[in-house]
N, C-alpha and C. Protein backbone atom coordinates (compact mmCIF):
# COMPACT_ATOMS: atom_id res chain seq x y z
N MET A 1 -2.71 -73.11 95.03
CA MET A 1 -2.55 -73.79 96.29
C MET A 1 -3.31 -75.11 96.24
N ILE A 2 -2.71 -76.13 96.81
CA ILE A 2 -3.32 -77.46 96.83
C ILE A 2 -4.05 -77.64 98.16
N PRO A 3 -5.32 -78.05 98.13
CA PRO A 3 -6.04 -78.27 99.39
C PRO A 3 -5.33 -79.33 100.24
N SER A 4 -5.37 -79.15 101.55
CA SER A 4 -4.61 -80.02 102.45
C SER A 4 -5.07 -81.47 102.45
N GLY A 5 -6.33 -81.75 102.20
CA GLY A 5 -6.82 -83.12 102.28
C GLY A 5 -6.77 -83.91 100.98
N VAL A 6 -6.31 -83.32 99.92
CA VAL A 6 -6.34 -83.99 98.62
C VAL A 6 -5.32 -85.13 98.59
N LYS A 7 -5.70 -86.23 97.92
CA LYS A 7 -4.77 -87.34 97.74
C LYS A 7 -3.85 -87.03 96.57
N VAL A 8 -2.59 -87.41 96.71
CA VAL A 8 -1.59 -87.18 95.67
C VAL A 8 -0.88 -88.49 95.40
N PHE A 9 -0.87 -88.91 94.14
CA PHE A 9 -0.22 -90.16 93.76
C PHE A 9 0.88 -89.88 92.76
N LEU A 10 2.06 -90.46 93.00
CA LEU A 10 3.19 -90.36 92.09
C LEU A 10 3.33 -91.65 91.33
N ALA A 11 3.50 -91.57 90.03
CA ALA A 11 3.87 -92.75 89.24
C ALA A 11 5.39 -92.83 89.32
N SER A 12 5.92 -93.90 89.87
CA SER A 12 7.36 -93.95 90.08
C SER A 12 8.13 -94.21 88.79
N HIS A 13 7.47 -94.75 87.79
CA HIS A 13 8.13 -95.02 86.52
C HIS A 13 7.99 -93.80 85.60
N PRO A 14 9.05 -93.38 84.93
CA PRO A 14 8.93 -92.24 84.00
C PRO A 14 7.96 -92.57 82.87
N VAL A 15 7.30 -91.53 82.36
CA VAL A 15 6.37 -91.71 81.24
C VAL A 15 6.87 -90.94 80.02
N ASP A 16 6.36 -91.32 78.88
CA ASP A 16 6.66 -90.63 77.63
C ASP A 16 6.00 -89.24 77.71
N PHE A 17 6.81 -88.20 77.70
CA PHE A 17 6.27 -86.86 77.91
C PHE A 17 5.62 -86.27 76.67
N ARG A 18 5.55 -87.03 75.60
CA ARG A 18 4.75 -86.61 74.46
C ARG A 18 3.28 -86.84 74.73
N LYS A 19 2.98 -87.64 75.75
CA LYS A 19 1.58 -87.90 76.11
C LYS A 19 0.92 -86.61 76.56
N GLY A 20 -0.26 -86.41 76.09
CA GLY A 20 -1.04 -85.26 76.52
C GLY A 20 -2.02 -85.65 77.61
N ILE A 21 -3.02 -84.84 77.78
CA ILE A 21 -3.97 -85.05 78.86
C ILE A 21 -4.71 -86.39 78.73
N ASP A 22 -5.11 -86.76 77.51
CA ASP A 22 -5.85 -88.01 77.32
C ASP A 22 -4.97 -89.23 77.58
N GLY A 23 -3.72 -89.17 77.14
CA GLY A 23 -2.79 -90.28 77.38
C GLY A 23 -2.49 -90.48 78.85
N LEU A 24 -2.34 -89.39 79.58
CA LEU A 24 -2.08 -89.49 81.01
C LEU A 24 -3.30 -89.99 81.78
N VAL A 25 -4.48 -89.53 81.37
CA VAL A 25 -5.71 -90.01 82.01
C VAL A 25 -5.87 -91.51 81.76
N ALA A 26 -5.48 -91.98 80.58
CA ALA A 26 -5.55 -93.42 80.30
C ALA A 26 -4.61 -94.19 81.23
N LEU A 27 -3.44 -93.65 81.53
CA LEU A 27 -2.53 -94.30 82.49
C LEU A 27 -3.15 -94.34 83.88
N VAL A 28 -3.80 -93.27 84.28
CA VAL A 28 -4.45 -93.23 85.59
C VAL A 28 -5.57 -94.27 85.63
N ARG A 29 -6.32 -94.37 84.55
CA ARG A 29 -7.44 -95.32 84.48
C ARG A 29 -6.97 -96.75 84.70
N ASP A 30 -5.75 -97.07 84.26
CA ASP A 30 -5.20 -98.42 84.45
C ASP A 30 -5.03 -98.76 85.92
N ALA A 31 -4.84 -97.74 86.78
CA ALA A 31 -4.57 -97.97 88.20
C ALA A 31 -5.69 -97.51 89.12
N GLY A 32 -6.62 -96.74 88.62
CA GLY A 32 -7.67 -96.22 89.50
C GLY A 32 -8.66 -95.35 88.75
N ASP A 33 -9.29 -94.45 89.49
CA ASP A 33 -10.32 -93.59 88.94
C ASP A 33 -9.78 -92.18 88.73
N PRO A 34 -9.61 -91.74 87.48
CA PRO A 34 -9.06 -90.40 87.24
C PRO A 34 -10.01 -89.26 87.62
N PHE A 35 -11.26 -89.59 87.95
CA PHE A 35 -12.25 -88.57 88.26
C PHE A 35 -12.58 -88.51 89.75
N ASP A 36 -11.66 -88.95 90.59
CA ASP A 36 -11.90 -88.98 92.04
C ASP A 36 -11.38 -87.73 92.76
N GLY A 37 -10.81 -86.77 92.03
CA GLY A 37 -10.34 -85.54 92.64
C GLY A 37 -8.90 -85.59 93.12
N ALA A 38 -8.26 -86.75 93.02
CA ALA A 38 -6.85 -86.87 93.44
C ALA A 38 -5.94 -86.27 92.37
N LEU A 39 -4.73 -85.90 92.76
CA LEU A 39 -3.71 -85.43 91.83
C LEU A 39 -2.84 -86.62 91.44
N TYR A 40 -2.56 -86.75 90.16
CA TYR A 40 -1.71 -87.83 89.65
C TYR A 40 -0.48 -87.19 89.01
N VAL A 41 0.69 -87.53 89.53
CA VAL A 41 1.94 -86.86 89.15
C VAL A 41 2.82 -87.82 88.36
N PHE A 42 3.31 -87.34 87.22
CA PHE A 42 4.17 -88.12 86.34
C PHE A 42 5.46 -87.36 86.09
N ARG A 43 6.56 -88.07 85.86
CA ARG A 43 7.82 -87.39 85.56
C ARG A 43 8.39 -87.87 84.24
N ALA A 44 9.21 -87.02 83.65
CA ALA A 44 9.92 -87.36 82.42
C ALA A 44 11.16 -88.19 82.76
N LYS A 45 11.73 -88.80 81.76
CA LYS A 45 12.89 -89.67 81.96
C LYS A 45 14.06 -88.93 82.60
N ARG A 46 14.31 -87.71 82.17
CA ARG A 46 15.44 -86.94 82.71
C ARG A 46 15.14 -86.33 84.08
N ALA A 47 13.94 -86.46 84.56
CA ALA A 47 13.51 -85.99 85.88
C ALA A 47 13.58 -84.48 86.06
N ASN A 48 13.59 -83.74 84.96
CA ASN A 48 13.57 -82.28 85.10
C ASN A 48 12.18 -81.71 84.83
N ARG A 49 11.21 -82.57 84.50
CA ARG A 49 9.85 -82.13 84.22
C ARG A 49 8.85 -83.04 84.90
N ILE A 50 7.75 -82.45 85.35
CA ILE A 50 6.62 -83.23 85.86
C ILE A 50 5.34 -82.74 85.20
N LYS A 51 4.38 -83.64 85.12
CA LYS A 51 3.02 -83.31 84.70
C LYS A 51 2.09 -83.82 85.78
N ILE A 52 1.08 -83.02 86.10
CA ILE A 52 0.08 -83.40 87.09
C ILE A 52 -1.28 -83.31 86.42
N VAL A 53 -2.09 -84.38 86.54
CA VAL A 53 -3.45 -84.35 86.03
C VAL A 53 -4.42 -84.56 87.18
N TRP A 54 -5.57 -83.91 87.09
CA TRP A 54 -6.62 -84.06 88.10
C TRP A 54 -7.95 -83.61 87.53
N TRP A 55 -9.00 -84.09 88.15
CA TRP A 55 -10.37 -83.71 87.82
C TRP A 55 -10.80 -82.62 88.77
N ASP A 56 -11.23 -81.47 88.27
CA ASP A 56 -11.61 -80.36 89.15
C ASP A 56 -13.12 -80.25 89.34
N GLY A 57 -13.86 -81.21 88.86
CA GLY A 57 -15.31 -81.18 89.00
C GLY A 57 -16.02 -80.85 87.70
N SER A 58 -15.33 -80.15 86.80
CA SER A 58 -15.95 -79.80 85.52
C SER A 58 -15.12 -80.25 84.33
N GLY A 59 -13.88 -80.67 84.57
CA GLY A 59 -13.02 -81.13 83.49
C GLY A 59 -11.68 -81.58 84.04
N VAL A 60 -10.89 -82.19 83.17
CA VAL A 60 -9.56 -82.67 83.55
C VAL A 60 -8.58 -81.53 83.34
N CYS A 61 -7.72 -81.31 84.33
CA CYS A 61 -6.71 -80.25 84.27
C CYS A 61 -5.32 -80.86 84.12
N LEU A 62 -4.43 -80.12 83.48
CA LEU A 62 -3.05 -80.55 83.28
C LEU A 62 -2.13 -79.43 83.71
N TYR A 63 -1.14 -79.77 84.54
CA TYR A 63 -0.13 -78.82 85.00
C TYR A 63 1.23 -79.38 84.60
N LEU A 64 2.10 -78.53 84.09
CA LEU A 64 3.45 -78.93 83.69
C LEU A 64 4.45 -78.02 84.38
N LYS A 65 5.52 -78.60 84.90
CA LYS A 65 6.60 -77.80 85.46
C LYS A 65 7.93 -78.36 84.98
N ARG A 66 8.83 -77.45 84.57
CA ARG A 66 10.17 -77.82 84.13
C ARG A 66 11.17 -77.08 84.99
N LEU A 67 12.11 -77.82 85.56
CA LEU A 67 13.20 -77.21 86.32
C LEU A 67 14.34 -76.93 85.36
N GLU A 68 14.89 -75.75 85.41
CA GLU A 68 15.95 -75.36 84.48
C GLU A 68 17.33 -75.86 84.90
N LYS A 69 17.63 -75.84 86.21
CA LYS A 69 18.98 -76.17 86.65
C LYS A 69 19.01 -77.29 87.69
N ALA A 70 17.94 -78.01 87.82
CA ALA A 70 17.88 -79.06 88.83
C ALA A 70 17.00 -80.19 88.32
N LYS A 71 16.90 -81.23 89.11
CA LYS A 71 16.03 -82.36 88.79
C LYS A 71 15.12 -82.63 89.98
N PHE A 72 13.95 -83.17 89.68
CA PHE A 72 13.05 -83.58 90.74
C PHE A 72 13.61 -84.86 91.35
N CYS A 73 13.57 -84.95 92.64
CA CYS A 73 13.96 -86.18 93.32
C CYS A 73 12.74 -87.07 93.37
N TRP A 74 12.94 -88.35 93.11
CA TRP A 74 11.83 -89.25 92.91
C TRP A 74 12.10 -90.58 93.59
N PRO A 75 11.06 -91.31 93.98
CA PRO A 75 11.27 -92.66 94.52
C PRO A 75 11.92 -93.55 93.46
N ARG A 76 12.44 -94.67 93.87
CA ARG A 76 13.04 -95.62 92.93
C ARG A 76 12.09 -95.93 91.79
N ILE A 77 12.66 -96.09 90.61
CA ILE A 77 11.87 -96.43 89.44
C ILE A 77 11.30 -97.83 89.61
N GLY A 78 10.03 -97.95 89.34
CA GLY A 78 9.34 -99.22 89.42
C GLY A 78 7.94 -99.06 88.89
N HIS A 79 7.23 -100.14 88.81
CA HIS A 79 5.86 -100.08 88.30
C HIS A 79 4.89 -100.06 89.46
N HIS A 80 4.94 -99.01 90.25
CA HIS A 80 4.04 -98.84 91.37
C HIS A 80 3.78 -97.35 91.54
N ARG A 81 2.83 -97.02 92.35
CA ARG A 81 2.58 -95.61 92.63
C ARG A 81 2.77 -95.37 94.12
N VAL A 82 3.13 -94.16 94.44
CA VAL A 82 3.41 -93.76 95.81
C VAL A 82 2.43 -92.68 96.18
N GLN A 83 1.84 -92.75 97.37
CA GLN A 83 0.93 -91.70 97.82
C GLN A 83 1.70 -90.70 98.66
N LEU A 84 1.48 -89.41 98.38
CA LEU A 84 2.10 -88.31 99.11
C LEU A 84 1.03 -87.47 99.78
N THR A 85 1.47 -86.61 100.67
CA THR A 85 0.59 -85.57 101.18
C THR A 85 0.76 -84.35 100.27
N SER A 86 -0.15 -83.40 100.39
CA SER A 86 -0.03 -82.19 99.58
C SER A 86 1.24 -81.41 99.96
N ALA A 87 1.64 -81.45 101.24
CA ALA A 87 2.86 -80.75 101.66
C ALA A 87 4.10 -81.38 101.04
N GLN A 88 4.13 -82.70 100.93
CA GLN A 88 5.27 -83.37 100.30
C GLN A 88 5.33 -83.02 98.82
N LEU A 89 4.17 -82.92 98.17
CA LEU A 89 4.15 -82.54 96.76
C LEU A 89 4.69 -81.13 96.58
N MET A 90 4.32 -80.21 97.45
CA MET A 90 4.81 -78.84 97.33
C MET A 90 6.33 -78.81 97.48
N GLY A 91 6.89 -79.63 98.34
CA GLY A 91 8.34 -79.73 98.48
C GLY A 91 8.99 -80.31 97.24
N THR A 92 8.33 -81.28 96.62
CA THR A 92 8.84 -81.87 95.39
C THR A 92 8.87 -80.82 94.28
N GLY A 93 7.87 -79.95 94.25
CA GLY A 93 7.79 -78.92 93.22
C GLY A 93 8.92 -77.92 93.30
N SER A 94 9.54 -77.78 94.45
CA SER A 94 10.67 -76.87 94.56
C SER A 94 11.96 -77.52 94.13
N GLY A 95 11.89 -78.83 93.84
CA GLY A 95 13.08 -79.54 93.41
C GLY A 95 13.90 -80.07 94.56
N SER A 96 13.39 -79.96 95.78
CA SER A 96 14.19 -80.41 96.91
C SER A 96 13.46 -81.29 97.91
N GLY A 97 12.15 -81.24 97.95
CA GLY A 97 11.40 -81.86 99.02
C GLY A 97 11.57 -83.36 99.18
N LEU A 98 11.50 -84.10 98.09
CA LEU A 98 11.58 -85.54 98.19
C LEU A 98 13.01 -86.01 98.40
N CYS A 99 13.98 -85.16 98.16
CA CYS A 99 15.38 -85.54 98.33
C CYS A 99 15.75 -85.72 99.78
N ARG A 100 15.12 -85.02 100.65
CA ARG A 100 15.52 -85.01 102.06
C ARG A 100 14.63 -85.91 102.89
N SER A 101 14.06 -85.43 103.94
CA SER A 101 13.35 -86.27 104.90
C SER A 101 12.14 -87.00 104.32
N SER A 102 11.42 -86.38 103.41
CA SER A 102 10.21 -87.02 102.88
C SER A 102 10.54 -88.30 102.15
N ARG A 103 11.64 -88.31 101.41
CA ARG A 103 12.01 -89.49 100.65
C ARG A 103 12.35 -90.63 101.60
N ARG A 104 13.02 -90.33 102.68
CA ARG A 104 13.36 -91.36 103.65
C ARG A 104 12.10 -92.03 104.18
N ARG A 105 11.09 -91.23 104.50
CA ARG A 105 9.84 -91.77 105.02
C ARG A 105 9.12 -92.61 103.98
N LEU A 106 9.10 -92.15 102.73
CA LEU A 106 8.39 -92.87 101.69
C LEU A 106 9.02 -94.22 101.38
N LEU A 107 10.34 -94.24 101.34
CA LEU A 107 11.03 -95.45 100.91
C LEU A 107 11.53 -96.30 102.07
N GLY A 108 11.41 -95.82 103.27
CA GLY A 108 11.87 -96.58 104.42
C GLY A 108 13.38 -96.62 104.55
N LYS A 109 14.07 -95.66 104.00
CA LYS A 109 15.53 -95.61 104.02
C LYS A 109 16.01 -94.97 105.32
N SER A 110 17.19 -95.38 105.77
CA SER A 110 17.75 -94.78 106.96
C SER A 110 18.78 -93.72 106.64
N THR A 111 19.15 -93.62 105.37
CA THR A 111 20.13 -92.62 104.97
C THR A 111 19.48 -91.67 103.98
N ALA A 112 20.02 -90.46 103.87
CA ALA A 112 19.47 -89.46 102.96
C ALA A 112 19.72 -89.87 101.52
N ALA A 113 18.86 -89.41 100.65
CA ALA A 113 19.01 -89.67 99.21
C ALA A 113 20.14 -88.85 98.66
N LYS A 114 20.53 -89.22 97.44
CA LYS A 114 21.63 -88.51 96.76
C LYS A 114 21.41 -87.02 96.75
């Protein structure tokens, strides 16, 4: 379970999924502090896998999820990061959350995503 107050950042640009924990932390370092307790979420090019890295107080943790028959819905590809709430992240993990109302709010769109 993700604590309700934790910050969650999505990298909107896909990353090379051969990167391990050190490579992902280096990407986080380019944009901020990887040791601030926030969750940093990355996706693969095909959008069927995500990796999440975070500092838990004693070390860096890595979480990987692969969807077998679906893809994660994601903001437009670009070189920016998007901040989510923990509830929005949980919806993204099911493969459906960002596709519906949450994506509209994040991107300022008036129509639903694909």
